C-alpha atoms as a PDB file:
ATOM      1  CA  MET A   1       7.159  17.414   7.969  1.00  0.00           C
ATOM      2  CA  ALA A   2       5.165  17.214   4.766  1.00  0.00           C
ATOM      3  CA  ASN A   3       4.534  20.370   2.746  1.00  0.00           C
ATOM      4  CA  HIS A   4       1.396  19.729   0.704  1.00  0.00           C
ATOM      5  CA  VAL A   5       0.821  22.077  -2.232  1.00  0.00           C
ATOM      6  CA  LEU A   6      -1.552  22.020  -5.183  1.00  0.00           C
ATOM      7  CA  LEU A   7       0.178  20.859  -8.365  1.00  0.00           C
ATOM      8  CA  ASP A   8       0.097  23.246 -11.316  1.00  0.00           C
ATOM      9  CA  ASN A   9       2.030  23.616 -14.567  1.00  0.00           C
ATOM     10  CA  ILE A  10       3.183  27.168 -13.845  1.00  0.00           C
ATOM     11  CA  ASN A  11       4.786  26.918 -10.427  1.00  0.00           C
ATOM     12  CA  HIS A  12       5.951  23.379 -11.160  1.00  0.00           C
ATOM     13  CA  LYS A  13       6.857  23.628 -14.853  1.00  0.00           C
ATOM     14  CA  ASP A  14      10.386  22.287 -14.266  1.00  0.00           C
ATOM     15  CA  LEU A  15       9.399  19.722 -11.658  1.00  0.00           C
ATOM     16  CA  LYS A  16      11.008  16.285 -11.797  1.00  0.00           C
ATOM     17  CA  ILE A  17      10.491  13.238  -9.613  1.00  0.00           C
ATOM     18  CA  ILE A  18      13.087  10.637  -8.644  1.00  0.00           C
ATOM     19  CA  THR A  19      11.289   7.308  -9.037  1.00  0.00           C
ATOM     20  CA  LYS A  20      13.910   4.828  -7.878  1.00  0.00           C
ATOM     21  CA  ARG A  21      13.394   3.031  -4.569  1.00  0.00           C
ATOM     22  CA  SER A  22      15.811   3.921  -1.808  1.00  0.00           C
ATOM     23  CA  ALA A  23      16.021   4.220   1.970  1.00  0.00           C
ATOM     24  CA  ASP A  24      17.245   7.792   1.496  1.00  0.00           C
ATOM     25  CA  LEU A  25      14.000   8.554  -0.342  1.00  0.00           C
ATOM     26  CA  GLY A  26      11.779   7.304   2.465  1.00  0.00           C
ATOM     27  CA  ASP A  27      11.172   3.714   1.332  1.00  0.00           C
ATOM     28  CA  SER A  28      12.648   2.037   4.399  1.00  0.00           C
ATOM     29  CA  ILE A  29       9.293   1.146   5.993  1.00  0.00           C
ATOM     30  CA  PRO A  30       8.053  -2.263   7.203  1.00  0.00           C
ATOM     31  CA  SER A  31       4.507  -2.014   5.796  1.00  0.00           C
ATOM     32  CA  LEU A  32       2.280  -0.028   3.482  1.00  0.00           C
ATOM     33  CA  VAL A  33      -1.456   0.244   2.852  1.00  0.00           C
ATOM     34  CA  THR A  34      -2.789  -1.938   0.050  1.00  0.00           C
ATOM     35  CA  PHE A  35      -6.199  -2.506  -1.546  1.00  0.00           C
ATOM     36  CA  PRO A  36      -8.206  -5.574  -2.629  1.00  0.00           C
ATOM     37  CA  PHE A  37      -7.882  -4.754  -6.328  1.00  0.00           C
ATOM     38  CA  GLU A  38      -4.108  -5.243  -6.128  1.00  0.00           C
ATOM     39  CA  TYR A  39      -4.136  -8.289  -3.832  1.00  0.00           C
ATOM     40  CA  ARG A  40      -3.458 -10.599  -6.792  1.00  0.00           C
ATOM     41  CA  ASP A  41      -0.074  -8.927  -7.354  1.00  0.00           C
ATOM     42  CA  ILE A  42       0.631  -8.256  -3.680  1.00  0.00           C
ATOM     43  CA  GLN A  43       0.046 -11.857  -2.546  1.00  0.00           C
ATOM     44  CA  THR A  44       2.658 -13.221  -4.953  1.00  0.00           C
ATOM     45  CA  ASN A  45       5.340 -11.167  -3.196  1.00  0.00           C
ATOM     46  CA  PHE A  46       4.341  -9.990   0.275  1.00  0.00           C
ATOM     47  CA  PRO A  47       2.248 -11.048   3.275  1.00  0.00           C
ATOM     48  CA  ILE A  48      -1.082  -9.189   3.490  1.00  0.00           C
ATOM     49  CA  CYS A  49      -2.293  -8.424   6.996  1.00  0.00           C
ATOM     50  CA  PHE A  50      -4.933  -6.279   8.610  1.00  0.00           C
ATOM     51  CA  CYS A  51      -3.866  -3.503  10.964  1.00  0.00           C
ATOM     52  CA  LYS A  52      -5.806  -1.198  13.256  1.00  0.00           C
ATOM     53  CA  ASP A  53      -5.532   2.549  12.883  1.00  0.00           C
ATOM     54  CA  SER A  54      -4.237   3.797  16.227  1.00  0.00           C
ATOM     55  CA  GLU A  55      -6.477   6.876  16.120  1.00  0.00           C
ATOM     56  CA  THR A  56      -9.756   5.537  14.710  1.00  0.00           C
ATOM     57  CA  GLY A  57      -9.509   1.866  15.680  1.00  0.00           C
ATOM     58  CA  LYS A  58     -10.620   0.913  12.173  1.00  0.00           C
ATOM     59  CA  PHE A  59      -9.004  -1.888  10.179  1.00  0.00           C
ATOM     60  CA  TYR A  60      -7.031  -1.443   6.976  1.00  0.00           C
ATOM     61  CA  SER A  61      -5.003  -3.933   4.962  1.00  0.00           C
ATOM     62  CA  ALA A  62      -1.253  -3.641   4.508  1.00  0.00           C
ATOM     63  CA  ALA A  63       1.557  -5.345   2.648  1.00  0.00           C
ATOM     64  CA  LEU A  64       4.480  -6.283   4.922  1.00  0.00           C
ATOM     65  CA  PHE A  65       8.111  -5.707   3.930  1.00  0.00           C
ATOM     66  CA  GLY A  66       9.941  -6.194   7.229  1.00  0.00           C
ATOM     67  CA  PHE A  67       9.714  -6.981  10.928  1.00  0.00           C
ATOM     68  CA  GLU A  68      11.160  -3.872  12.540  1.00  0.00           C
ATOM     69  CA  GLU A  69      10.718  -0.125  12.369  1.00  0.00           C
ATOM     70  CA  ASN A  70      12.531   1.397   9.354  1.00  0.00           C
ATOM     71  CA  GLU A  71      13.110  -2.059   7.861  1.00  0.00           C
ATOM     72  CA  ASN A  72      12.268  -2.919   4.248  1.00  0.00           C
ATOM     73  CA  LEU A  73      13.794  -6.260   3.269  1.00  0.00           C
ATOM     74  CA  PHE A  74      12.942  -5.701  -0.404  1.00  0.00           C
ATOM     75  CA  LEU A  75      15.261  -2.716  -0.690  1.00  0.00           C
ATOM     76  CA  ASP A  76      18.673  -3.539  -2.111  1.00  0.00           C
ATOM     77  CA  GLY A  77      20.576  -0.291  -2.275  1.00  0.00           C
ATOM     78  CA  ASP A  78      18.791   1.788  -4.902  1.00  0.00           C
ATOM     79  CA  SER A  79      16.902  -1.153  -6.390  1.00  0.00           C
ATOM     80  CA  TRP A  80      13.595  -2.842  -5.592  1.00  0.00           C
ATOM     81  CA  ASP A  81      13.902  -6.610  -5.229  1.00  0.00           C
ATOM     82  CA  ALA A  82      10.312  -7.656  -5.958  1.00  0.00           C
ATOM     83  CA  ALA A  83       8.279  -8.348  -9.085  1.00  0.00           C
ATOM     84  CA  TYR A  84       5.608  -5.838  -8.083  1.00  0.00           C
ATOM     85  CA  THR A  85       5.689  -2.321  -6.654  1.00  0.00           C
ATOM     86  CA  PRO A  86       2.632  -1.442  -4.532  1.00  0.00           C
ATOM     87  CA  LEU A  87       0.700   1.551  -5.833  1.00  0.00           C
ATOM     88  CA  MET A  88       1.105   3.455  -2.576  1.00  0.00           C
ATOM     89  CA  PHE A  89       4.849   3.425  -3.289  1.00  0.00           C
ATOM     90  CA  GLU A  90       4.427   4.409  -6.929  1.00  0.00           C
ATOM     91  CA  ARG A  91       2.196   7.390  -6.180  1.00  0.00           C
ATOM     92  CA  GLN A  92       4.836   9.105  -4.021  1.00  0.00           C
ATOM     93  CA  PRO A  93       5.106  12.069  -3.558  1.00  0.00           C
ATOM     94  CA  PHE A  94       1.629  12.777  -4.995  1.00  0.00           C
ATOM     95  CA  PHE A  95      -1.782  12.413  -3.423  1.00  0.00           C
ATOM     96  CA  ILE A  96      -5.370  13.451  -4.062  1.00  0.00           C
ATOM     97  CA  GLY A  97      -6.882  16.335  -2.168  1.00  0.00           C
ATOM     98  CA  ASN A  98     -10.372  17.792  -2.194  1.00  0.00           C
ATOM     99  CA  GLN A  99     -11.200  21.393  -2.967  1.00  0.00           C
ATOM    100  CA  ARG A 100     -14.663  22.918  -3.037  1.00  0.00           C
ATOM    101  CA  THR A 101     -15.840  24.721  -6.158  1.00  0.00           C
ATOM    102  CA  GLN A 102     -17.853  27.945  -6.056  1.00  0.00           C
ATOM    103  CA  SER A 103     -21.011  25.840  -6.282  1.00  0.00           C
ATOM    104  CA  GLY A 104     -19.970  23.954  -3.156  1.00  0.00           C
ATOM    105  CA  GLU A 105     -19.150  20.676  -4.889  1.00  0.00           C
ATOM    106  CA  LYS A 106     -16.032  18.717  -4.013  1.00  0.00           C
ATOM    107  CA  GLN A 107     -13.379  18.587  -6.725  1.00  0.00           C
ATOM    108  CA  ARG A 108     -10.535  16.078  -6.586  1.00  0.00           C
ATOM    109  CA  LEU A 109      -7.162  17.606  -7.427  1.00  0.00           C
ATOM    110  CA  ILE A 110      -3.555  16.413  -7.414  1.00  0.00           C
ATOM    111  CA  TYR A 111      -1.312  17.679  -4.632  1.00  0.00           C
ATOM    112  CA  ILE A 112       2.387  17.107  -4.050  1.00  0.00           C
ATOM    113  CA  ASP A 113       4.625  16.996  -0.990  1.00  0.00           C
ATOM    114  CA  ALA A 114       7.027  19.774  -1.965  1.00  0.00           C
ATOM    115  CA  ASP A 115       9.482  18.743   0.772  1.00  0.00           C
ATOM    116  CA  SER A 116       9.804  15.143  -0.430  1.00  0.00           C
ATOM    117  CA  PRO A 117      13.403  14.150  -1.258  1.00  0.00           C
ATOM    118  CA  ARG A 118      12.057  12.885  -4.587  1.00  0.00           C
ATOM    119  CA  VAL A 119      11.153  16.415  -5.708  1.00  0.00           C
ATOM    120  CA  ASN A 120      13.737  18.388  -7.668  1.00  0.00           C
ATOM    121  CA  SER A 121      14.350  20.106 -11.019  1.00  0.00           C
ATOM    122  CA  ASP A 122      17.386  18.172 -12.264  1.00  0.00           C
ATOM    123  CA  GLU A 123      16.872  14.411 -11.994  1.00  0.00           C
ATOM    124  CA  GLY A 124      14.057  11.966 -12.677  1.00  0.00           C
ATOM    125  CA  GLU A 125      10.735  11.949 -14.509  1.00  0.00           C
ATOM    126  CA  ALA A 126       9.438  15.250 -15.855  1.00  0.00           C
ATOM    127  CA  VAL A 127       5.950  16.051 -14.561  1.00  0.00           C
ATOM    128  CA  PHE A 128       4.981  18.528 -17.286  1.00  0.00           C
ATOM    129  CA  LEU A 129       5.843  18.878 -20.957  1.00  0.00           C
ATOM    130  CA  GLU A 130       7.625  21.997 -22.193  1.00  0.00           C
ATOM    131  CA  GLN A 131       4.311  23.370 -23.489  1.00  0.00           C
ATOM    132  CA  GLY A 132       2.668  22.785 -20.100  1.00  0.00           C
ATOM    133  CA  GLY A 133       0.773  19.577 -20.870  1.00  0.00           C
ATOM    134  CA  HIS A 134       0.833  16.484 -18.684  1.00  0.00           C
ATOM    135  CA  SER A 135       3.753  14.124 -19.276  1.00  0.00           C
ATOM    136  CA  GLU A 136       3.162  10.389 -19.671  1.00  0.00           C
ATOM    137  CA  TYR A 137       4.521  10.006 -16.163  1.00  0.00           C
ATOM    138  CA  LEU A 138       1.943  12.401 -14.694  1.00  0.00           C
ATOM    139  CA  GLN A 139      -0.822  10.673 -16.655  1.00  0.00           C
ATOM    140  CA  ARG A 140       0.197   7.399 -15.015  1.00  0.00           C
ATOM    141  CA  ILE A 141       0.305   9.047 -11.580  1.00  0.00           C
ATOM    142  CA  SER A 142      -3.187  10.420 -12.184  1.00  0.00           C
ATOM    143  CA  SER A 143      -4.512   6.947 -13.020  1.00  0.00           C
ATOM    144  CA  ILE A 144      -2.772   5.504  -9.932  1.00  0.00           C
ATOM    145  CA  LEU A 145      -4.335   8.141  -7.685  1.00  0.00           C
ATOM    146  CA  ASP A 146      -7.769   7.434  -9.161  1.00  0.00           C
ATOM    147  CA  ALA A 147      -7.267   3.712  -8.503  1.00  0.00           C
ATOM    148  CA  ILE A 148      -6.209   4.427  -4.906  1.00  0.00           C
ATOM    149  CA  HIS A 149      -9.251   6.650  -4.385  1.00  0.00           C
ATOM    150  CA  GLN A 150     -11.547   3.858  -5.569  1.00  0.00           C
ATOM    151  CA  GLY A 151      -9.516   1.312  -3.607  1.00  0.00           C
ATOM    152  CA  GLN A 152     -10.212   3.130  -0.339  1.00  0.00           C
ATOM    153  CA  GLN A 153     -13.946   2.593  -0.774  1.00  0.00           C
ATOM    154  CA  GLN A 154     -13.332  -0.987  -1.891  1.00  0.00           C
ATOM    155  CA  SER A 155     -11.256  -1.667   1.232  1.00  0.00           C
ATOM    156  CA  LYS A 156     -13.998  -0.263   3.432  1.00  0.00           C
ATOM    157  CA  GLU A 157     -16.598  -2.575   1.858  1.00  0.00           C
ATOM    158  CA  PHE A 158     -14.290  -5.595   2.030  1.00  0.00           C
ATOM    159  CA  ILE A 159     -13.400  -5.127   5.695  1.00  0.00           C
ATOM    160  CA  GLU A 160     -17.035  -4.490   6.630  1.00  0.00           C
ATOM    161  CA  LEU A 161     -17.932  -7.871   5.124  1.00  0.00           C
ATOM    162  CA  MET A 162     -15.051  -9.608   6.887  1.00  0.00           C
ATOM    163  CA  LEU A 163     -16.231  -8.145  10.204  1.00  0.00           C
ATOM    164  CA  LYS A 164     -19.864  -8.960   9.445  1.00  0.00           C
ATOM    165  CA  TYR A 165     -19.025 -12.669   9.282  1.00  0.00           C
ATOM    166  CA  ASP A 166     -16.467 -12.533  12.120  1.00  0.00           C
ATOM    167  CA  LEU A 167     -13.602 -13.514   9.810  1.00  0.00           C
ATOM    168  CA  ILE A 168     -10.861 -11.229  11.120  1.00  0.00           C
ATOM    169  CA  GLU A 169      -8.687 -12.608  13.928  1.00  0.00           C
ATOM    170  CA  SER A 170      -5.444 -11.524  15.548  1.00  0.00           C
ATOM    171  CA  PHE A 171      -2.343 -13.655  15.227  1.00  0.00           C
ATOM    172  CA  THR A 172       1.135 -13.839  16.697  1.00  0.00           C
ATOM    173  CA  LEU A 173       4.057 -14.956  14.563  1.00  0.00           C
ATOM    174  CA  LYS A 174       7.047 -16.415  16.383  1.00  0.00           C
ATOM    175  CA  VAL A 175      10.259 -15.872  14.462  1.00  0.00           C
ATOM    176  CA  GLU A 176      13.545 -17.587  15.271  1.00  0.00           C
ATOM    177  CA  LEU A 177      16.443 -16.357  13.170  1.00  0.00           C
ATOM    178  CA  ASP A 178      19.641 -18.148  12.204  1.00  0.00           C
ATOM    179  CA  ASP A 179      21.625 -16.205  14.809  1.00  0.00           C
ATOM    180  CA  GLY A 180      19.418 -17.668  17.548  1.00  0.00           C
ATOM    181  CA  THR A 181      17.431 -14.528  18.296  1.00  0.00           C
ATOM    182  CA  LYS A 182      13.723 -15.037  18.898  1.00  0.00           C
ATOM    183  CA  ASN A 183      11.064 -12.464  18.128  1.00  0.00           C
ATOM    184  CA  GLN A 184       7.287 -12.192  18.048  1.00  0.00           C
ATOM    185  CA  LEU A 185       5.310 -10.291  15.458  1.00  0.00           C
ATOM    186  CA  GLN A 186       2.216  -8.906  17.161  1.00  0.00           C
ATOM    187  CA  GLY A 187      -0.528  -6.389  16.493  1.00  0.00           C
ATOM    188  CA  PHE A 188      -1.575  -7.834  13.140  1.00  0.00           C
ATOM    189  CA  TYR A 189      -4.716  -9.606  11.998  1.00  0.00           C
ATOM    190  CA  THR A 190      -5.614 -12.093   9.301  1.00  0.00           C
ATOM    191  CA  ILE A 191      -8.634 -14.078   8.070  1.00  0.00           C
ATOM    192  CA  ASN A 192      -9.717 -17.207   9.924  1.00  0.00           C
ATOM    193  CA  GLU A 193      -9.703 -19.844   7.191  1.00  0.00           C
ATOM    194  CA  ASP A 194     -11.802 -22.333   9.178  1.00  0.00           C
ATOM    195  CA  THR A 195     -14.512 -19.743   9.776  1.00  0.00           C
ATOM    196  CA  LEU A 196     -14.435 -18.755   6.109  1.00  0.00           C
ATOM    197  CA  ASN A 197     -14.776 -22.365   4.958  1.00  0.00           C
ATOM    198  CA  GLY A 198     -17.669 -22.892   7.360  1.00  0.00           C
ATOM    199  CA  LEU A 199     -19.797 -19.955   6.202  1.00  0.00           C
ATOM    200  CA  SER A 200     -23.372 -20.557   5.120  1.00  0.00           C
ATOM    201  CA  TYR A 201     -24.381 -20.691   1.476  1.00  0.00           C
ATOM    202  CA  ASP A 202     -25.960 -17.224   1.739  1.00  0.00           C
ATOM    203  CA  ALA A 203     -22.798 -15.729   3.211  1.00  0.00           C
ATOM    204  CA  ILE A 204     -20.575 -17.329   0.561  1.00  0.00           C
ATOM    205  CA  SER A 205     -23.007 -16.142  -2.106  1.00  0.00           C
ATOM    206  CA  GLU A 206     -22.727 -12.567  -0.837  1.00  0.00           C
ATOM    207  CA  LEU A 207     -18.921 -12.733  -0.834  1.00  0.00           C
ATOM    208  CA  MET A 208     -18.900 -14.173  -4.340  1.00  0.00           C
ATOM    209  CA  THR A 209     -21.389 -11.611  -5.657  1.00  0.00           C
ATOM    210  CA  THR A 210     -19.345  -8.725  -4.328  1.00  0.00           C
ATOM    211  CA  GLY A 211     -16.106 -10.288  -5.595  1.00  0.00           C
ATOM    212  CA  TYR A 212     -14.538 -10.377  -2.132  1.00  0.00           C
ATOM    213  CA  LEU A 213     -14.407 -14.142  -1.653  1.00  0.00           C
ATOM    214  CA  GLN A 214     -11.349 -14.328  -3.892  1.00  0.00           C
ATOM    215  CA  ALA A 215      -9.765 -11.400  -2.038  1.00  0.00           C
ATOM    216  CA  ALA A 216     -10.251 -13.215   1.268  1.00  0.00           C
ATOM    217  CA  TYR A 217      -8.458 -16.320   0.008  1.00  0.00           C
ATOM    218  CA  MET A 218      -5.659 -14.169  -1.396  1.00  0.00           C
ATOM    219  CA  VAL A 219      -5.077 -12.733   2.077  1.00  0.00           C
ATOM    220  CA  ILE A 220      -4.864 -16.274   3.450  1.00  0.00           C
ATOM    221  CA  ALA A 221      -2.553 -17.437   0.650  1.00  0.00           C
ATOM    222  CA  SER A 222      -0.247 -14.455   1.167  1.00  0.00           C
ATOM    223  CA  MET A 223       0.644 -15.634   4.673  1.00  0.00           C
ATOM    224  CA  SER A 224       3.015 -18.195   3.140  1.00  0.00           C
ATOM    225  CA  ASN A 225       5.223 -15.239   2.133  1.00  0.00           C
ATOM    226  CA  PHE A 226       6.336 -14.935   5.754  1.00  0.00           C
ATOM    227  CA  ARG A 227       8.727 -17.811   5.024  1.00  0.00           C
ATOM    228  CA  SER A 228      10.504 -15.855   2.299  1.00  0.00           C
ATOM    229  CA  LEU A 229      10.427 -12.716   4.445  1.00  0.00           C
ATOM    230  CA  ILE A 230      12.245 -14.598   7.221  1.00  0.00           C
ATOM    231  CA  GLU A 231      14.760 -15.878   4.655  1.00  0.00           C
ATOM    232  CA  ARG A 232      15.428 -12.304   3.563  1.00  0.00           C
ATOM    233  CA  LYS A 233      15.913 -11.307   7.194  1.00  0.00           C
ATOM    234  CA  ASN A 234      18.417 -14.130   7.745  1.00  0.00           C
ATOM    235  CA  LYS A 235      20.429 -13.041   4.714  1.00  0.00           C
ATOM    236  CA  ARG A 236      20.769  -9.556   6.217  1.00  0.00           C
ATOM    237  CA  LEU A 237      22.210 -10.850   9.505  1.00  0.00           C
END
């Protein structure tokens, strides 16, 4: 259970964060939310798919790392076997929370999951300097959280456009492994390339103007990464 507390340089003056990737640190997950602004890096390493939030029914995009629950095929012991680390991994265990000022305005502040296995006072990156200032690590975390905050709005706009032009479709991936086992990956969505290529000039113009045409093709291109994901799965058998 997460224990979210507001970060401050008094109560957390000795705080350190373990930044390595490890199953013991909660990284053994098959997918993670991603945003259009990082698709260029994501699509060189991982498949990008759309998923539906089970509570709201709304779409979000995710990078895929495995086929089963608690499976991350890019974890190799305590190392990360990919050229890029998604920002939603890097931001752990921090997140942005909103707090209202006396004037009633919303103020974005940095919170931390105090119960995260990454949090300690002995090992890892120092969050604050001895004098109480922000460390370089915390400055980077702050910029990552800002990017994620903006990325959430960007994702909303992108998905709204994909739905507007009926570009999102479900797909089923049949996977046959070297040991003969057969599986089906279901519950994911992608972009219909034929529908995208057949859009009117006005629709293409809107996608180009907003910058989301390139993002759409990156989602399509990322699907080829399923081949390497299956290869990783076979090596683990």
